[in-house]
């Protein structure tokens, strides 16, 4: 996974050191916090690039 794919996925899925699981705060639940357009607005990246990064990053997560 590239650094940019990771950065997009972190923003999209709200991945952080502090997870969402009350019984184990190190575990993250993947949920959509920011859309591709919100990530684009926050990073200055074009929305189509963000969408492509999310798609390729998700594909790599499934491998």
Protein backbone atom coordinates (compact mmCIF):
# COMPACT_ATOMS: atom_id res chain seq x y z
CA UNK A 1 0.00 0.00 0.00
CA UNK A 2 1.31 3.43 -0.89
CA UNK A 3 1.57 6.27 1.60
CA UNK A 4 -1.18 8.18 -0.23
CA UNK A 5 -3.52 5.16 -0.24
CA UNK A 6 -2.93 4.75 3.48
CA UNK A 7 -3.54 8.46 4.13
CA UNK A 8 -6.82 8.35 2.20
CA UNK A 9 -8.00 5.20 3.98
CA UNK A 10 -7.10 6.62 7.41
CA UNK A 11 -9.29 9.65 6.74
CA UNK A 12 -12.08 7.66 5.09
CA UNK A 13 -12.38 4.95 7.77
CA UNK A 14 -11.30 6.99 10.83
CA UNK A 15 -8.35 4.71 11.57
CA UNK A 16 -6.48 5.88 14.65
CA UNK A 17 -4.41 4.53 17.53
CA UNK A 18 -7.49 4.75 19.74
CA UNK A 19 -10.06 2.33 18.37
CA UNK A 20 -13.82 2.17 18.77
CA UNK A 21 -14.12 -1.12 20.66
CA UNK A 22 -14.81 -0.39 24.33
CA UNK A 23 -13.55 -3.83 25.42
CA UNK A 24 -10.31 -3.43 23.43
CA UNK A 25 -9.50 0.17 22.53
CA UNK A 26 -6.70 -0.92 20.19
CA UNK A 27 -9.25 -2.38 17.74
CA UNK A 28 -10.72 -0.19 15.04
CA UNK A 29 -14.11 -0.66 13.42
CA UNK A 30 -14.05 0.43 9.80
CA UNK A 31 -16.80 2.97 9.23
CA UNK A 32 -17.02 5.81 6.75
CA UNK A 33 -16.15 9.07 8.47
CA UNK A 34 -15.28 11.15 5.41
CA UNK A 35 -16.40 10.87 1.81
CA UNK A 36 -13.98 11.15 -1.10
CA UNK A 37 -15.09 14.75 -1.66
CA UNK A 38 -14.51 15.62 2.01
CA UNK A 39 -11.03 14.06 1.87
CA UNK A 40 -10.32 15.99 -1.34
CA UNK A 41 -11.37 19.25 0.31
CA UNK A 42 -9.17 18.56 3.34
CA UNK A 43 -6.08 17.46 1.43
CA UNK A 44 -6.26 19.53 -1.74
CA UNK A 45 -6.13 16.35 -3.83
CA UNK A 46 -8.55 16.10 -6.78
CA UNK A 47 -11.69 14.10 -5.90
CA UNK A 48 -11.07 11.60 -8.71
CA UNK A 49 -7.59 10.91 -7.32
CA UNK A 50 -9.02 10.34 -3.84
CA UNK A 51 -11.63 7.95 -5.25
CA UNK A 52 -8.90 6.03 -7.09
CA UNK A 53 -6.72 5.89 -3.95
CA UNK A 54 -9.64 4.56 -1.89
CA UNK A 55 -10.46 1.92 -4.49
CA UNK A 56 -6.89 0.70 -4.86
CA UNK A 57 -6.27 0.83 -1.11
CA UNK A 58 -9.42 -1.19 -0.38
CA UNK A 59 -8.30 -3.76 -2.93
CA UNK A 60 -4.99 -4.14 -1.14
CA UNK A 61 -6.75 -4.53 2.23
CA UNK A 62 -8.63 -7.52 0.80
CA UNK A 63 -5.45 -9.30 -0.34
